[in-house]
Protein backbone atom coordinates (compact mmCIF):
# COMPACT_ATOMS: atom_id res chain seq x y z
CA MET A 1 -229.48 105.26 -133.49
CA SER A 2 -230.60 104.70 -130.30
CA TYR A 3 -229.50 104.14 -126.66
CA TYR A 4 -229.53 100.38 -125.75
CA ARG A 5 -231.99 100.08 -122.46
CA ASP A 6 -232.57 96.10 -122.72
CA LYS A 7 -231.60 94.64 -119.70
CA GLN A 8 -232.18 90.95 -120.85
CA PRO A 9 -229.41 88.17 -121.00
CA VAL A 10 -227.65 88.25 -124.88
CA ASP A 11 -226.98 85.52 -126.84
CA THR A 12 -223.28 85.91 -127.96
CA SER A 13 -222.57 82.97 -130.05
CA ASN A 14 -222.50 85.29 -133.44
CA LEU A 15 -220.44 88.03 -131.80
CA ILE A 16 -217.53 89.60 -133.20
CA TYR A 17 -215.75 92.61 -131.53
CA GLY A 18 -213.14 95.02 -131.97
CA ALA A 19 -213.16 98.18 -134.40
CA ARG A 20 -211.01 96.28 -137.25
CA ALA A 21 -212.80 92.96 -136.94
CA VAL A 22 -216.08 94.62 -137.35
CA ILE A 23 -214.47 96.37 -140.22
CA GLU A 24 -213.02 93.61 -142.11
CA ALA A 25 -216.70 91.44 -141.48
CA ILE A 26 -218.76 94.23 -142.89
CA GLU A 27 -216.25 94.77 -145.90
CA ALA A 28 -216.67 91.12 -146.51
CA GLY A 29 -220.19 91.32 -147.07
CA LYS A 30 -221.27 89.46 -143.59
CA GLU A 31 -224.84 90.56 -142.63
CA ILE A 32 -224.82 92.41 -139.53
CA ASP A 33 -228.01 92.23 -137.36
CA ARG A 34 -226.84 94.40 -134.65
CA LEU A 35 -223.93 96.95 -134.30
CA TYR A 36 -223.39 98.61 -131.01
CA ILE A 37 -220.91 101.47 -130.49
CA GLN A 38 -219.71 102.63 -127.15
CA SER A 39 -221.72 105.85 -126.69
CA ASP A 40 -218.89 107.98 -124.63
CA LEU A 41 -216.04 107.13 -127.31
CA ASN A 42 -215.29 109.26 -130.74
CA ASN A 43 -211.78 108.22 -131.69
CA GLU A 44 -210.30 107.82 -135.08
CA LEU A 45 -211.65 103.89 -135.10
CA ILE A 46 -214.75 104.85 -133.75
CA ILE A 47 -215.05 107.37 -136.41
CA GLU A 48 -213.82 104.82 -139.39
CA VAL A 49 -216.79 102.34 -138.09
CA ARG A 50 -219.48 104.63 -138.31
CA LYS A 51 -218.13 105.79 -141.91
CA ILE A 52 -218.16 102.31 -143.25
CA ALA A 53 -221.54 101.49 -141.42
CA ARG A 54 -223.17 104.36 -143.60
CA GLN A 55 -221.63 103.06 -146.47
CA TYR A 56 -222.93 99.63 -146.25
CA GLY A 57 -226.40 101.07 -144.88
CA ILE A 58 -225.70 99.76 -141.50
CA ILE A 59 -227.69 100.97 -138.43
CA TRP A 60 -225.83 101.15 -135.23
CA GLN A 61 -226.77 101.66 -131.51
CA PHE A 62 -225.12 103.54 -128.93
CA VAL A 63 -224.73 101.84 -125.79
CA PRO A 64 -223.02 102.56 -122.40
CA GLU A 65 -219.42 100.76 -121.77
CA GLY A 66 -221.55 98.61 -119.16
CA LYS A 67 -223.07 96.62 -122.49
CA PHE A 68 -219.62 95.59 -123.50
CA GLN A 69 -218.84 94.18 -120.19
CA ARG A 70 -221.85 92.19 -120.26
CA ILE A 71 -221.13 90.79 -124.11
CA ALA A 72 -217.70 90.65 -123.96
CA PRO A 73 -216.03 90.60 -120.51
CA GLY A 74 -212.42 90.86 -120.19
CA LYS A 75 -212.14 91.49 -124.69
CA ASN A 76 -210.35 94.22 -126.09
CA HIS A 77 -213.43 95.45 -127.88
CA GLN A 78 -212.33 98.73 -128.47
CA GLY A 79 -215.98 99.97 -127.67
CA VAL A 80 -217.81 98.13 -130.65
CA ALA A 81 -218.98 94.71 -131.15
CA ALA A 82 -221.47 93.24 -133.78
CA PHE A 83 -223.61 90.29 -133.70
CA ILE A 84 -223.72 88.41 -137.43
CA THR A 85 -226.98 87.71 -138.81
CA SER A 86 -227.83 83.42 -138.82
CA VAL A 87 -229.92 84.31 -141.93
CA GLU A 88 -229.95 86.34 -145.25
CA PHE A 89 -231.79 89.30 -145.30
CA TYR A 90 -234.02 90.55 -148.39
CA LYS A 91 -235.28 93.26 -149.89
CA LEU A 92 -239.24 93.98 -149.42
CA ASP A 93 -239.35 95.43 -152.92
CA ASN A 94 -237.78 92.79 -154.80
CA ILE A 95 -239.47 89.99 -152.90
CA LEU A 96 -243.18 90.94 -153.51
CA PRO A 97 -242.69 91.02 -157.47
CA GLN A 98 -241.41 88.15 -157.65
CA ILE A 99 -244.55 86.78 -156.13
CA PHE A 100 -246.87 88.58 -158.31
CA GLU A 101 -244.66 87.37 -161.47
CA LYS A 102 -245.35 83.45 -160.16
CA GLY A 103 -248.91 84.21 -160.34
CA GLU A 104 -249.35 83.59 -156.59
CA THR A 105 -251.68 85.95 -153.94
CA PRO A 106 -249.19 87.67 -151.56
CA LEU A 107 -249.00 86.69 -147.85
CA VAL A 108 -246.76 89.01 -145.80
CA LEU A 109 -246.52 88.86 -142.17
CA VAL A 110 -245.11 92.23 -140.26
CA LEU A 111 -243.95 92.02 -137.08
CA ASP A 112 -243.52 95.15 -134.76
CA ARG A 113 -241.27 95.22 -131.97
CA ILE A 114 -241.40 91.47 -131.48
CA THR A 115 -238.13 90.79 -129.59
CA ASP A 116 -238.14 87.57 -127.63
CA VAL A 117 -235.76 85.41 -129.90
CA ARG A 118 -238.14 82.27 -129.36
CA ASN A 119 -241.06 83.93 -130.14
CA PHE A 120 -239.63 84.95 -133.56
CA GLY A 121 -238.47 81.77 -134.11
CA ALA A 122 -241.78 80.07 -133.35
CA ILE A 123 -243.58 82.52 -135.58
CA ALA A 124 -241.43 82.26 -138.74
CA ARG A 125 -242.00 78.00 -138.38
CA SER A 126 -245.98 78.40 -138.09
CA ALA A 127 -245.46 81.33 -141.18
CA GLU A 128 -243.49 78.66 -143.38
CA CYS A 129 -245.71 76.14 -142.69
CA ALA A 130 -248.70 78.45 -143.59
CA GLY A 131 -247.43 79.51 -146.77
CA VAL A 132 -246.30 82.98 -145.93
CA HIS A 133 -244.23 84.45 -148.70
CA ALA A 134 -242.18 86.85 -146.44
CA ILE A 135 -241.66 88.27 -143.00
CA VAL A 136 -241.26 92.02 -142.60
CA ILE A 137 -239.30 93.15 -139.54
CA PRO A 138 -238.01 96.17 -138.68
CA SER A 139 -234.27 97.29 -138.30
CA ARG A 140 -234.46 98.48 -134.77
CA GLY A 141 -236.38 97.02 -131.97
CA ALA A 142 -236.81 92.98 -133.22
CA ALA A 143 -235.74 90.05 -132.04
CA GLN A 144 -231.97 89.35 -132.70
CA VAL A 145 -231.92 86.83 -135.87
CA ASN A 146 -229.50 84.28 -134.39
CA GLY A 147 -228.90 80.37 -133.96
CA ASP A 148 -231.52 80.26 -130.94
CA ALA A 149 -233.89 82.05 -133.54
CA VAL A 150 -233.35 79.34 -136.32
CA LYS A 151 -233.50 76.59 -133.89
CA THR A 152 -236.71 77.47 -132.53
CA SER A 153 -237.80 78.11 -136.25
CA ALA A 154 -237.26 74.06 -136.92
CA GLY A 155 -235.13 75.74 -139.86
CA ALA A 156 -237.62 77.76 -141.26
CA LEU A 157 -235.93 80.81 -140.94
CA ASN A 158 -233.45 79.25 -143.76
CA ILE A 159 -236.56 78.99 -146.12
CA ILE A 160 -238.82 82.12 -145.52
CA PRO A 161 -237.66 85.52 -146.75
CA VAL A 162 -237.06 87.85 -143.90
CA CYS A 163 -236.73 91.53 -144.98
CA ARG A 164 -235.37 93.96 -142.57
CA GLU A 165 -236.79 97.26 -143.13
CA GLU A 166 -235.48 100.42 -141.99
CA ASN A 167 -238.72 102.36 -141.94
CA LEU A 168 -241.78 100.18 -140.96
CA LYS A 169 -244.65 102.60 -141.86
CA ASP A 170 -243.03 103.08 -145.08
CA ALA A 171 -243.00 99.07 -145.64
CA ILE A 172 -246.86 98.86 -145.01
CA GLU A 173 -247.79 101.66 -147.31
CA TYR A 174 -245.68 100.45 -150.18
CA LEU A 175 -247.30 96.86 -149.50
CA ASN A 176 -250.75 98.64 -149.45
CA ASN A 177 -250.05 100.98 -152.63
CA SER A 178 -249.14 97.42 -154.67
CA GLY A 179 -252.56 96.06 -153.85
CA LEU A 180 -252.02 94.03 -150.30
CA ARG A 181 -254.80 94.49 -148.01
CA ILE A 182 -253.57 95.41 -144.19
CA ALA A 183 -254.83 93.66 -141.93
CA SER A 184 -254.02 94.36 -138.08
CA CYS A 185 -254.53 91.69 -135.50
CA THR A 186 -255.24 93.54 -132.26
CA GLU A 187 -257.66 93.44 -128.96
CA LYS A 188 -258.62 96.63 -130.43
CA GLY A 189 -260.14 95.31 -133.41
CA SER A 190 -263.91 95.52 -134.39
CA THR A 191 -264.08 92.16 -136.51
CA ASN A 192 -263.56 88.63 -135.62
CA TYR A 193 -260.52 87.12 -137.55
CA PHE A 194 -262.50 84.28 -138.87
CA GLU A 195 -265.51 86.68 -139.97
CA THR A 196 -263.29 88.64 -142.60
CA ASP A 197 -262.10 87.81 -145.89
CA LEU A 198 -258.53 86.69 -145.81
CA THR A 199 -258.15 85.36 -149.47
CA GLY A 200 -257.07 88.26 -151.45
CA PRO A 201 -253.22 89.51 -151.46
CA LEU A 202 -252.63 89.97 -147.63
CA ALA A 203 -250.25 91.70 -145.16
CA ILE A 204 -250.85 90.60 -141.42
CA ILE A 205 -249.17 93.01 -139.09
CA MET A 206 -248.53 91.51 -135.15
CA GLY A 207 -247.53 93.57 -132.61
CA SER A 208 -245.87 93.50 -129.46
CA GLU A 209 -247.22 91.45 -126.15
CA GLU A 210 -246.21 94.57 -124.19
CA ASP A 211 -247.51 97.59 -126.18
CA GLY A 212 -249.50 95.29 -129.04
CA ILE A 213 -249.46 97.44 -132.57
CA SER A 214 -248.08 100.72 -132.91
CA GLY A 215 -250.97 103.51 -133.55
CA GLU A 216 -249.47 104.73 -136.67
CA TYR A 217 -249.35 101.40 -138.22
CA LEU A 218 -252.90 100.69 -136.41
CA LYS A 219 -254.20 104.05 -138.68
CA ARG A 220 -252.77 102.31 -141.98
CA SER A 221 -254.54 99.08 -141.88
CA ASN A 222 -257.62 98.45 -144.07
CA VAL A 223 -259.22 96.37 -141.29
CA LYS A 224 -258.72 95.37 -137.39
CA ILE A 225 -259.48 91.83 -136.56
CA LYS A 226 -259.46 90.16 -133.33
CA ILE A 227 -259.19 86.82 -131.58
CA PRO A 228 -262.32 86.51 -129.38
CA MET A 229 -261.19 85.30 -125.81
CA HIS A 230 -263.53 83.26 -123.39
CA GLY A 231 -261.33 82.21 -120.61
CA LYS A 232 -259.62 84.66 -117.54
CA ILE A 233 -256.60 85.51 -119.48
CA SER A 234 -257.26 87.45 -121.67
CA SER A 235 -254.42 87.32 -124.50
CA LEU A 236 -252.52 84.57 -126.03
CA ASN A 237 -248.94 84.52 -126.55
CA VAL A 238 -248.03 86.41 -129.87
CA SER A 239 -246.43 83.49 -131.65
CA VAL A 240 -249.95 81.20 -131.00
CA ALA A 241 -251.57 84.66 -132.02
CA THR A 242 -250.08 84.48 -135.14
CA GLY A 243 -250.43 80.72 -135.67
CA VAL A 244 -254.39 81.20 -135.14
CA VAL A 245 -254.70 83.90 -137.67
CA LEU A 246 -252.48 82.30 -140.35
CA PHE A 247 -254.12 78.82 -140.41
CA GLU A 248 -257.36 80.61 -140.94
CA VAL A 249 -256.09 82.52 -144.06
CA LEU A 250 -254.99 78.94 -145.10
CA ARG A 251 -258.12 77.57 -144.65
CA GLN A 252 -260.22 80.21 -146.14
CA ARG A 253 -257.91 79.98 -149.17
CA SER A 254 -257.84 76.07 -149.51
CA LEU A 255 -261.67 76.19 -149.33
CA GLY A 256 -262.08 79.14 -152.06
CA LEU A 257 -263.64 81.16 -149.55
């Protein structure tokens, strides 16, 4: 749980509000992308929402009342609002064994705090085209998986499995323990991406444009790769950088390097 601090505009196309409406949506099996609960309320309805959320493994965020004025102005929200995701989420520990069973070489993309919806959609589009088997995102601090994301992905988010994991560190360790090499794409990398063997079972971590990849994930990487820069601007948009690295993976695998 965390307090909401982001001041960016919120897409409300998949919004439901009101304690009973949210409870019914959860119990009906709707995929909840985000659940917001007003931080200064603790009445019976709020307690019931939190109980149901725990039961279904849904993480919520405490937010100030002003947040509800932005996403549901003039509505009887009762201090509860949720966004229904536009895609189905999968479990990484279900997806990965299936990849191995098919005799395929896993390629997994891990996104650390990619919060821009359109960047996320563009990344998903490149990932699907490059043959990525799954995208892993954290349950908190990730872009909203909404209609805008699906549209920007050109429908790729309806094809490629998205695994939303509560603990990204554990997910990375699981991938590594399952035989995948962990490659972090970072300006702190010591090896150019095209000089690195990317042909085996692989998980690529991409980080936020503001902060890059978290230190705890960098420490768990087997290799840190970089994209060399020659211009005056020292960084690429994260969706572009992701595409560059993914298609190098595809190139190497296609040529059997």
